[in-house]
Amino acid sequence: MANQTQALGRGVTTGAESFWYILGCISFGAAYFAKIPSKKALSEYGLCEMTSAEKFWYVLQNICFGSGYLAKVPVKKALSEVRLGGGQPPQAG
């Protein structure tokens, strides 16, 4: 399958992605809970808003050994390296 470029807020999921997400949610909400830290990182950049339920579950994930925060960190790092207009990410140093 070819890699498709999608714009934020206008992306679509494939039928297979939708199927596996729903299947993951049926398994005790695992896919839903895994999505929350990524959505928190996006919300900190102003790219989306979290629902009150997502905010509740994010706090609960952090109470449980900081798992929500630790899952958010790599996503936020990746977002910090995104450059609009094809610019290069900053050099480490």
Protein backbone atom coordinates (compact mmCIF):
# COMPACT_ATOMS: atom_id res chain seq x y z
CA MET A 1 0.00 0.00 0.00
CA ALA A 2 1.38 3.41 -0.95
CA ASN A 3 2.05 5.97 1.74
CA GLN A 4 -0.56 8.72 1.52
CA THR A 5 0.05 12.30 2.66
CA GLN A 6 -2.83 13.62 4.75
CA ALA A 7 -3.47 17.05 6.21
CA LEU A 8 -4.06 17.36 9.94
CA GLY A 9 -7.76 17.45 10.66
CA ARG A 10 -8.61 16.04 7.23
CA GLY A 11 -7.00 12.63 7.44
CA VAL A 12 -8.91 9.43 7.03
CA THR A 13 -8.38 5.94 8.34
CA THR A 14 -8.47 2.92 6.10
CA GLY A 15 -11.08 0.24 6.59
CA ALA A 16 -8.46 -2.02 8.16
CA GLU A 17 -7.34 0.70 10.58
CA SER A 18 -10.93 1.33 11.64
CA PHE A 19 -11.50 -2.40 12.12
CA TRP A 20 -8.41 -2.87 14.29
CA TYR A 21 -9.17 0.27 16.33
CA ILE A 22 -12.69 -0.97 17.10
CA LEU A 23 -11.35 -4.42 17.90
CA GLY A 24 -8.77 -2.82 20.20
CA CYS A 25 -11.48 -0.83 21.97
CA ILE A 26 -13.53 -3.97 22.55
CA SER A 27 -10.53 -5.45 24.40
CA PHE A 28 -11.20 -3.50 27.60
CA GLY A 29 -10.83 -0.17 25.80
CA ALA A 30 -7.11 -0.73 25.19
CA ALA A 31 -6.98 1.20 21.90
CA TYR A 32 -9.00 4.08 23.37
CA PHE A 33 -6.71 4.32 26.40
CA ALA A 34 -3.60 4.10 24.21
CA LYS A 35 -4.87 7.02 22.11
CA ILE A 36 -5.31 9.40 25.05
CA PRO A 37 -1.62 10.32 25.69
CA SER A 38 -1.13 11.10 21.99
CA LYS A 39 -4.23 13.26 21.99
CA LYS A 40 -2.92 15.06 25.10
CA ALA A 41 0.31 15.88 23.24
CA LEU A 42 -1.68 17.17 20.26
CA SER A 43 -3.85 19.29 22.55
CA GLU A 44 -0.77 20.89 24.11
CA TYR A 45 0.16 22.12 20.63
CA GLY A 46 -3.38 23.42 20.07
CA LEU A 47 -4.10 20.85 17.34
CA CYS A 48 -7.16 19.33 19.03
CA GLU A 49 -9.25 19.43 22.17
CA MET A 50 -9.67 16.58 24.60
CA THR A 51 -13.14 15.60 25.78
CA SER A 52 -13.88 15.68 29.50
CA ALA A 53 -13.79 11.85 29.51
CA GLU A 54 -10.34 11.84 27.89
CA LYS A 55 -9.09 14.39 30.43
CA PHE A 56 -10.42 12.20 33.25
CA TRP A 57 -8.74 9.07 31.91
CA TYR A 58 -5.47 10.95 31.29
CA VAL A 59 -5.37 12.04 34.95
CA LEU A 60 -6.18 8.50 36.03
CA GLN A 61 -3.37 7.13 33.82
CA ASN A 62 -0.96 9.53 35.53
CA ILE A 63 -2.08 8.43 38.98
CA CYS A 64 -1.14 4.89 37.93
CA PHE A 65 2.66 5.34 37.90
CA GLY A 66 2.65 8.21 35.41
CA SER A 67 1.92 5.93 32.48
CA GLY A 68 -0.08 8.58 30.61
CA TYR A 69 2.70 11.13 30.91
CA LEU A 70 5.41 8.65 29.93
CA ALA A 71 3.39 7.62 26.86
CA LYS A 72 2.88 11.29 25.90
CA VAL A 73 6.58 12.25 25.97
CA PRO A 74 7.70 10.46 22.74
CA VAL A 75 4.69 11.81 20.82
CA LYS A 76 5.37 15.35 21.99
CA LYS A 77 9.06 14.97 21.06
CA ALA A 78 8.06 13.84 17.56
CA LEU A 79 5.69 16.79 17.22
CA SER A 80 8.44 19.18 18.32
CA GLU A 81 10.50 18.00 15.33
CA VAL A 82 7.75 18.67 12.79
CA ARG A 83 8.49 21.64 10.56
CA LEU A 84 5.87 23.23 8.36
CA GLY A 85 6.75 24.05 4.78
CA GLY A 86 9.42 21.36 4.44
CA GLY A 87 11.92 22.97 6.81
CA GLN A 88 14.60 20.87 8.42
CA PRO A 89 14.40 19.89 12.10
CA PRO A 90 16.95 21.53 14.39
CA GLN A 91 20.34 19.86 14.66
CA ALA A 92 21.20 18.15 17.95
CA GLY A 93 23.94 19.88 19.78
